[in-house]
Amino acid sequence: MGTKLYVGGLPYSVTEGKLQDLFAAHGTVESANVISDKFTGQSRGFGFVEMSSSGEAQKAIESLNGTQLDGRTLTVNEAKPMARRDGGGGGGGGGSRDGGGGRNRW
């Protein structure tokens, strides 16, 4: 498995093809994904690129981090593992303090 890189500061016009081409100059690109808003479909300005080896990933980080692309400064670093998200529900139920359903206040 390759090394996944986070790419921030992308121009909103960047496509996955352009992102792949940008990183291909530094090694073999396994995949390139531009993250888009699920409602509007517009780019959110960041994405992920998976390079085939950690050496190629390091070369891409050193070459591209802090460079300009269409007037925006790129941030390139190794992607952190996605935080685990538990699905489902909110908190527990309320209930009364006295454990019963009567009219007693306490």
C-alpha atoms as a PDB file:
ATOM      1  CA  MET A   1       0.000   0.000   0.000  1.00  0.00           C
ATOM      2  CA  GLY A   2       1.198   3.504  -0.835  1.00  0.00           C
ATOM      3  CA  THR A   3       1.523   6.625   1.241  1.00  0.00           C
ATOM      4  CA  LYS A   4      -1.454   8.964   1.396  1.00  0.00           C
ATOM      5  CA  LEU A   5      -0.853  12.702   1.292  1.00  0.00           C
ATOM      6  CA  TYR A   6      -3.123  15.555   2.307  1.00  0.00           C
ATOM      7  CA  VAL A   7      -3.153  18.466  -0.148  1.00  0.00           C
ATOM      8  CA  GLY A   8      -4.680  21.711   1.137  1.00  0.00           C
ATOM      9  CA  GLY A   9      -5.048  25.146  -0.401  1.00  0.00           C
ATOM     10  CA  LEU A  10      -6.202  23.816  -3.752  1.00  0.00           C
ATOM     11  CA  PRO A  11      -7.841  26.258  -6.143  1.00  0.00           C
ATOM     12  CA  TYR A  12     -11.547  25.455  -6.422  1.00  0.00           C
ATOM     13  CA  SER A  13     -11.103  24.853 -10.152  1.00  0.00           C
ATOM     14  CA  VAL A  14      -8.652  21.950  -9.737  1.00  0.00           C
ATOM     15  CA  THR A  15      -9.823  18.592 -11.066  1.00  0.00           C
ATOM     16  CA  GLU A  16      -8.649  15.157  -9.996  1.00  0.00           C
ATOM     17  CA  GLY A  17      -6.842  14.846 -13.336  1.00  0.00           C
ATOM     18  CA  LYS A  18      -4.901  18.072 -12.770  1.00  0.00           C
ATOM     19  CA  LEU A  19      -4.057  17.002  -9.215  1.00  0.00           C
ATOM     20  CA  GLN A  20      -2.783  13.661 -10.480  1.00  0.00           C
ATOM     21  CA  ASP A  21      -0.669  15.362 -13.176  1.00  0.00           C
ATOM     22  CA  LEU A  22       0.841  17.723 -10.596  1.00  0.00           C
ATOM     23  CA  PHE A  23       2.023  14.842  -8.403  1.00  0.00           C
ATOM     24  CA  ALA A  24       2.986  12.488 -11.258  1.00  0.00           C
ATOM     25  CA  ALA A  25       6.097  14.586 -11.835  1.00  0.00           C
ATOM     26  CA  HIS A  26       7.354  13.315  -8.448  1.00  0.00           C
ATOM     27  CA  GLY A  27       6.503   9.612  -8.702  1.00  0.00           C
ATOM     28  CA  THR A  28       3.770   7.095  -9.364  1.00  0.00           C
ATOM     29  CA  VAL A  29       0.327   8.306  -8.330  1.00  0.00           C
ATOM     30  CA  GLU A  30      -1.970   5.510  -7.149  1.00  0.00           C
ATOM     31  CA  SER A  31      -5.005   7.780  -6.730  1.00  0.00           C
ATOM     32  CA  ALA A  32      -5.945  11.460  -6.567  1.00  0.00           C
ATOM     33  CA  ASN A  33      -9.188  12.700  -4.991  1.00  0.00           C
ATOM     34  CA  VAL A  34     -10.472  16.256  -4.738  1.00  0.00           C
ATOM     35  CA  ILE A  35     -12.969  16.547  -1.891  1.00  0.00           C
ATOM     36  CA  SER A  36     -16.196  18.283  -2.858  1.00  0.00           C
ATOM     37  CA  ASP A  37     -19.210  19.546  -0.977  1.00  0.00           C
ATOM     38  CA  LYS A  38     -21.905  16.883  -0.959  1.00  0.00           C
ATOM     39  CA  PHE A  39     -24.700  19.384  -1.559  1.00  0.00           C
ATOM     40  CA  THR A  40     -23.218  21.796  -4.107  1.00  0.00           C
ATOM     41  CA  GLY A  41     -20.607  19.544  -5.703  1.00  0.00           C
ATOM     42  CA  GLN A  42     -18.037  22.371  -5.545  1.00  0.00           C
ATOM     43  CA  SER A  43     -14.484  21.609  -4.469  1.00  0.00           C
ATOM     44  CA  ARG A  44     -13.782  22.247  -0.791  1.00  0.00           C
ATOM     45  CA  GLY A  45     -10.198  23.279  -1.559  1.00  0.00           C
ATOM     46  CA  PHE A  46      -8.421  20.135  -0.418  1.00  0.00           C
ATOM     47  CA  GLY A  47      -7.815  16.591  -1.491  1.00  0.00           C
ATOM     48  CA  PHE A  48      -5.753  13.447  -1.083  1.00  0.00           C
ATOM     49  CA  VAL A  49      -3.107  11.855  -3.264  1.00  0.00           C
ATOM     50  CA  GLU A  50      -1.781   8.356  -2.752  1.00  0.00           C
ATOM     51  CA  MET A  51       1.783   7.808  -3.935  1.00  0.00           C
ATOM     52  CA  SER A  52       3.125   4.305  -4.572  1.00  0.00           C
ATOM     53  CA  SER A  53       6.027   4.569  -2.100  1.00  0.00           C
ATOM     54  CA  SER A  54       6.959   6.594   0.948  1.00  0.00           C
ATOM     55  CA  GLY A  55      10.108   7.825  -0.828  1.00  0.00           C
ATOM     56  CA  GLU A  56       8.067   9.277  -3.675  1.00  0.00           C
ATOM     57  CA  ALA A  57       5.623  10.772  -1.184  1.00  0.00           C
ATOM     58  CA  GLN A  58       8.458  12.461   0.704  1.00  0.00           C
ATOM     59  CA  LYS A  59       9.876  13.821  -2.565  1.00  0.00           C
ATOM     60  CA  ALA A  60       6.436  15.245  -3.471  1.00  0.00           C
ATOM     61  CA  ILE A  61       6.061  16.866  -0.035  1.00  0.00           C
ATOM     62  CA  GLU A  62       9.491  18.507  -0.269  1.00  0.00           C
ATOM     63  CA  SER A  63       8.863  19.713  -3.824  1.00  0.00           C
ATOM     64  CA  LEU A  64       5.264  20.919  -3.587  1.00  0.00           C
ATOM     65  CA  ASN A  65       4.618  22.072  -0.008  1.00  0.00           C
ATOM     66  CA  GLY A  66       4.465  25.883   0.066  1.00  0.00           C
ATOM     67  CA  THR A  67       4.370  26.280  -3.720  1.00  0.00           C
ATOM     68  CA  GLN A  68       1.758  28.306  -5.608  1.00  0.00           C
ATOM     69  CA  LEU A  69      -0.941  26.822  -7.833  1.00  0.00           C
ATOM     70  CA  ASP A  70      -3.231  29.309  -9.579  1.00  0.00           C
ATOM     71  CA  GLY A  71      -2.489  31.932  -6.928  1.00  0.00           C
ATOM     72  CA  ARG A  72      -3.037  29.699  -3.895  1.00  0.00           C
ATOM     73  CA  THR A  73      -0.353  28.282  -1.614  1.00  0.00           C
ATOM     74  CA  LEU A  74      -0.396  24.498  -1.352  1.00  0.00           C
ATOM     75  CA  THR A  75      -0.033  22.630   1.916  1.00  0.00           C
ATOM     76  CA  VAL A  76       1.230  19.108   1.344  1.00  0.00           C
ATOM     77  CA  ASN A  77       1.924  16.641   4.153  1.00  0.00           C
ATOM     78  CA  GLU A  78       1.343  13.059   5.101  1.00  0.00           C
ATOM     79  CA  ALA A  79      -2.331  12.398   5.738  1.00  0.00           C
ATOM     80  CA  LYS A  80      -3.339  11.529   9.265  1.00  0.00           C
ATOM     81  CA  PRO A  81      -5.578   8.510   9.753  1.00  0.00           C
ATOM     82  CA  MET A  82      -9.249   9.429   9.724  1.00  0.00           C
ATOM     83  CA  ALA A  83     -10.703   9.690  13.211  1.00  0.00           C
ATOM     84  CA  ARG A  84     -13.149   6.938  14.020  1.00  0.00           C
ATOM     85  CA  ARG A  85     -16.722   8.154  14.008  1.00  0.00           C
ATOM     86  CA  ASP A  86     -19.344   6.249  15.912  1.00  0.00           C
ATOM     87  CA  GLY A  87     -22.611   6.241  14.101  1.00  0.00           C
ATOM     88  CA  GLY A  88     -25.904   6.721  15.687  1.00  0.00           C
ATOM     89  CA  GLY A  89     -27.718   8.198  18.368  1.00  0.00           C
ATOM     90  CA  GLY A  90     -27.695  10.951  20.839  1.00  0.00           C
ATOM     91  CA  GLY A  91     -27.554  10.754  24.574  1.00  0.00           C
ATOM     92  CA  GLY A  92     -29.616   8.710  26.935  1.00  0.00           C
ATOM     93  CA  GLY A  93     -33.125   9.491  28.012  1.00  0.00           C
ATOM     94  CA  GLY A  94     -34.029  11.986  30.676  1.00  0.00           C
ATOM     95  CA  GLY A  95     -36.472  10.568  33.153  1.00  0.00           C
ATOM     96  CA  SER A  96     -37.406  11.890  36.535  1.00  0.00           C
ATOM     97  CA  ARG A  97     -35.116  11.990  39.513  1.00  0.00           C
ATOM     98  CA  ASP A  98     -37.303  10.009  41.864  1.00  0.00           C
ATOM     99  CA  GLY A  99     -37.492   7.086  39.493  1.00  0.00           C
ATOM    100  CA  GLY A 100     -41.289   7.094  39.536  1.00  0.00           C
ATOM    101  CA  GLY A 101     -43.818   8.996  37.567  1.00  0.00           C
ATOM    102  CA  GLY A 102     -45.598  10.783  40.409  1.00  0.00           C
ATOM    103  CA  ARG A 103     -46.040  14.457  41.073  1.00  0.00           C
ATOM    104  CA  ASN A 104     -43.443  14.601  43.849  1.00  0.00           C
ATOM    105  CA  ARG A 105     -40.805  17.201  43.158  1.00  0.00           C
ATOM    106  CA  TRP A 106     -37.924  15.368  44.900  1.00  0.00           C
END
